[in-house]
Amino acid sequence: MAEKDMKERLLFSKDFYFKNIFNYYLYGGEEVIVNVKELDTKNVFNIPKTTARERDIFKEAIIKTSDENTYVLLGIENQTKVDYDMVIRNMIYDSFSYKNQRSLIEKKENNVKIRLKPVITLVIYYSDKEWTGPRDLYSMFEPFDEKLKEFVPNYKLNIIEPFKMAEEDLNKLDHNLAGLFELIKKSNNKDAFSESLFNKYQDLNPEIYELLNVVLNAGLEINESDGKINMCKAIDDMRKESKAEGIAEGKAEGIAEGEARGKAKGIAEGEAIGKANNLKENIKTMHKNGFDVETIARALSLDLCFVKEVLSA
């Protein structure tokens, strides 16, 4: 859990990712947050221990629209599981952020004027499932008279859910964050996950793969030399997993049906092995004749990792 928390905080503590996620959420991807500054994440007031928690990430930001600058305080809370108290937690964080501002103004300006900066807290939910917890304060109440809503302020939960992100949403993000959220979204569909990983997101920054490993237990191996994912290792793992699934599925079939299928499968596998052996010979022959591995892979429409495996055997 400590490693997971650390990786989650480390990613969005970087100003680039922090600005990118808020520009996406608040302004649809328009780059209006021009500068951010790290703030103390700890509560500084004497409040009950049950609420004296530390924010994950908290920064002051400058938003530039037209010719005006707006100063806001932005916080991020990372969640891998649903927290049914999240609305209340964020309310507490925001309330004490306002109280802290008020206290600092009092000291600096001798209480002459009060000008607070808006506070926005964003929850990032690292799950392929929909958030099932409350999304605002009203949803936590028992049914009450509609008339009272005029006097009872609501509080909305701001949340990023990969489950709900469409392609057009992902396109508004930096490539690395788009990869993070798309792979989380597809994490329970092995084929979809693999397709996105191999075809779209082979070039993500190392911290993205590291975060995927801790939040999804993805088991992605990162090359120490360049920080990129070891695609050959990933493909090999997928093959082994598919083979194991096939064996398990075969054992689950009935014995009688299995015998009939086994015979047909044996014939098919024999033909496949023969074709594979011929293909391997073609690869070796082309290599002996001076063709490099990339050219061989393109000419035979083969995976580069497979060609390398044949030649190294």
Foldseek 3Di string as FASTA:
>chain_A
DVLLLVLVLVVCLDPVQVQQVCCCQPPVLDRFFDDKAFDFQFQDDPDDPVLRDGFSGKIWTWGDDDHDTAIAIEGEDEEQDADQCVQVNVVSSQVSQQVVQVVVCCVPPVPPDDDDHYYYYEYEHQALDDRPHDFKDVVVDDDDDPVCCVVDDMTGHHYDHLNPDDPSSLVSGDLQVSLLSVLRNCVVPVVSNVCCCVPPNQDHALSSVVSCCVSNVLPFDADPVPSTTPVLVVVVVVVVVVVVVVVVVLVPDDPVVSVVVVVVVVVVVVVVVVVVVVLLVVLVVVVVVPDDLVVSCVVVVHDSSVSVVSVVD
